[in-house]
Protein backbone atom coordinates (compact mmCIF):
# COMPACT_ATOMS: atom_id res chain seq x y z
CA MET A 1 7.18 -8.40 11.78
CA GLU A 2 10.48 -7.34 12.89
CA LYS A 3 11.18 -3.35 13.87
CA GLN A 4 13.89 -3.27 11.14
CA VAL A 5 11.92 -4.83 8.20
CA ILE A 6 9.06 -2.14 9.29
CA GLU A 7 11.43 0.69 9.44
CA LYS A 8 12.95 -0.43 5.95
CA LEU A 9 9.40 -0.33 4.57
CA ILE A 10 8.54 3.11 5.96
CA ASP A 11 11.75 4.71 4.61
CA THR A 12 10.67 3.03 1.10
CA ALA A 13 7.39 4.01 0.88
CA ILE A 14 8.14 7.91 2.01
CA GLU A 15 10.92 7.90 -0.52
CA GLN A 16 8.21 6.89 -3.10
CA LEU A 17 6.04 10.29 -2.67
CA LYS A 18 9.00 12.20 -4.57
CA PHE A 19 7.72 9.82 -7.81
CA SER A 20 3.89 10.69 -7.15
CA TYR A 21 2.00 12.35 -10.04
CA ALA A 22 -0.82 14.55 -7.72
CA PRO A 23 -1.18 17.77 -9.81
CA TYR A 24 -5.16 17.93 -9.00
CA SER A 25 -5.60 16.91 -5.42
CA ASN A 26 -1.99 17.38 -4.31
CA PHE A 27 -2.32 14.30 -2.26
CA LYS A 28 1.18 12.67 -2.18
CA VAL A 29 1.17 8.68 -1.67
CA GLY A 30 4.05 6.20 -1.35
CA ALA A 31 3.73 2.43 -0.92
CA ALA A 32 6.29 -0.71 -0.31
CA LEU A 33 4.96 -3.85 -0.63
CA LEU A 34 6.84 -6.96 0.84
CA ALA A 35 6.97 -10.07 -1.09
CA LYS A 36 6.88 -13.37 0.62
CA LYS A 37 10.39 -13.98 -0.91
CA GLY A 38 11.61 -10.65 0.62
CA THR A 39 11.33 -8.49 -2.79
CA VAL A 40 10.16 -5.22 -1.98
CA TYR A 41 7.88 -3.45 -4.61
CA THR A 42 7.03 0.37 -4.99
CA GLY A 43 4.32 2.45 -5.88
CA CYS A 44 3.53 6.11 -5.82
CA ASN A 45 -0.27 7.68 -6.84
CA ILE A 46 -0.70 8.69 -10.44
CA GLU A 47 -3.33 11.12 -10.99
CA ASN A 48 -5.69 11.67 -14.42
CA ALA A 49 -7.59 14.76 -15.26
CA ALA A 50 -10.32 12.21 -15.73
CA PHE A 51 -10.29 10.94 -12.36
CA THR A 52 -11.42 7.34 -12.89
CA PRO A 53 -7.95 6.36 -14.52
CA THR A 54 -6.29 7.64 -11.61
CA ASN A 55 -4.16 4.83 -9.97
CA CYS A 56 -3.41 4.21 -5.93
CA ALA A 57 0.19 4.11 -4.65
CA GLU A 58 -0.84 0.68 -3.30
CA ARG A 59 -2.09 -0.52 -6.74
CA THR A 60 0.66 0.79 -8.25
CA ALA A 61 3.07 -1.49 -6.30
CA PHE A 62 0.85 -4.95 -6.37
CA PHE A 63 0.70 -4.23 -10.47
CA LYS A 64 4.09 -4.05 -10.55
CA ALA A 65 5.08 -6.95 -8.41
CA VAL A 66 2.00 -8.78 -10.22
CA SER A 67 3.02 -7.94 -13.67
CA GLU A 68 6.56 -9.81 -12.87
CA GLY A 69 4.78 -13.03 -11.71
CA VAL A 70 4.67 -12.82 -7.85
CA HIS A 71 1.54 -13.26 -6.19
CA GLU A 72 2.54 -13.76 -2.37
CA PHE A 73 2.67 -11.17 -0.15
CA ASP A 74 3.31 -10.49 3.64
CA ALA A 75 2.92 -6.72 4.12
CA ILE A 76 2.63 -3.26 2.69
CA CYS A 77 3.49 0.08 3.97
CA ILE A 78 1.42 3.28 2.84
CA VAL A 79 2.37 6.71 3.87
CA GLY A 80 0.82 9.99 2.29
CA GLY A 81 -0.16 13.66 2.79
CA LYS A 82 -1.01 16.89 1.24
CA GLU A 83 2.10 18.08 -0.81
CA GLY A 84 3.75 14.58 0.40
CA ILE A 85 3.68 16.52 4.30
CA LEU A 86 2.84 13.55 6.35
CA THR A 87 0.44 14.87 9.19
CA GLU A 88 -2.18 11.73 9.55
CA TYR A 89 -2.39 8.23 8.01
CA ALA A 90 -3.13 7.63 4.76
CA ALA A 91 -5.56 4.43 4.86
CA PRO A 92 -5.90 2.64 1.60
CA CYS A 93 -9.24 3.04 -0.05
CA GLY A 94 -11.81 0.28 -0.82
CA VAL A 95 -10.87 -0.68 -4.15
CA CYS A 96 -6.94 -1.03 -3.13
CA ARG A 97 -8.04 -3.28 -0.08
CA GLN A 98 -10.10 -5.27 -2.49
CA VAL A 99 -6.87 -5.73 -4.75
CA MET A 100 -5.15 -7.09 -1.25
CA MET A 101 -8.20 -9.38 -0.81
CA GLU A 102 -7.31 -10.84 -4.06
CA PHE A 103 -3.44 -11.78 -3.32
CA CYS A 104 -3.28 -11.41 0.16
CA ASN A 105 -4.43 -14.01 3.34
CA PRO A 106 -6.52 -11.04 5.38
CA ASP A 107 -5.85 -12.54 8.38
CA THR A 108 -1.75 -12.48 8.25
CA PHE A 109 -1.28 -9.60 5.60
CA GLN A 110 0.09 -6.84 7.27
CA VAL A 111 -0.95 -3.07 6.39
CA ILE A 112 1.55 -0.41 7.84
CA LEU A 113 0.08 2.86 7.94
CA ALA A 114 3.16 5.32 9.09
CA LEU A 115 4.00 8.93 9.64
CA ASP A 116 7.76 8.15 10.16
CA LYS A 117 9.63 5.19 11.97
CA GLU A 118 8.39 6.16 15.48
CA HIS A 119 4.67 6.55 14.75
CA TYR A 120 3.01 3.98 13.06
CA ASP A 121 0.36 1.23 12.99
CA VAL A 122 0.04 -2.18 12.09
CA TYR A 123 -2.97 -3.98 10.80
CA THR A 124 -3.92 -7.05 9.26
CA LEU A 125 -6.15 -6.79 6.33
CA ARG A 126 -9.09 -8.41 8.23
CA GLU A 127 -9.09 -5.27 10.67
CA LEU A 128 -9.40 -3.33 7.68
CA MET A 129 -11.81 -5.45 5.84
CA PRO A 130 -13.86 -7.29 8.42
CA GLN A 131 -15.95 -8.84 5.87
CA GLY A 132 -13.99 -9.09 2.49
CA PHE A 133 -14.95 -10.93 -0.55
CA GLY A 134 -11.57 -13.18 -2.12
CA PRO A 135 -11.02 -15.69 -4.07
CA GLY A 136 -11.92 -18.10 -1.37
CA ASN A 137 -15.59 -17.16 -1.53
CA LEU A 138 -15.69 -18.29 -5.24
CA ALA A 139 -14.25 -21.34 -4.49
């Protein structure tokens, strides 16, 4: 993936931090999901007092895209930190990884974990979920 595309996704994910609703954890997360056709879908985490209804930034972005009929994706950038201050990488939780397995090729889908445009790492979904279960397992 081109550095310019990665940098755009990082900037977009960081911008989403301002929309985070995290009154309980104060851990803000932003995501930028790149669809195969080039559209970027955004997401932020949305907490709930009951905890279980909380939705992660990654799933917010995926659900926005899927609700618009998009099912093919190339990459996602995720940023997050306490009070929105990015001090370490915010890796996707297990539920988000499972959602990624539903819609993404684990060998080619890229997960970008970033602090800024100079500090980021890129992983394949397979690296983050080596024994993942997806639609192919039910074929």
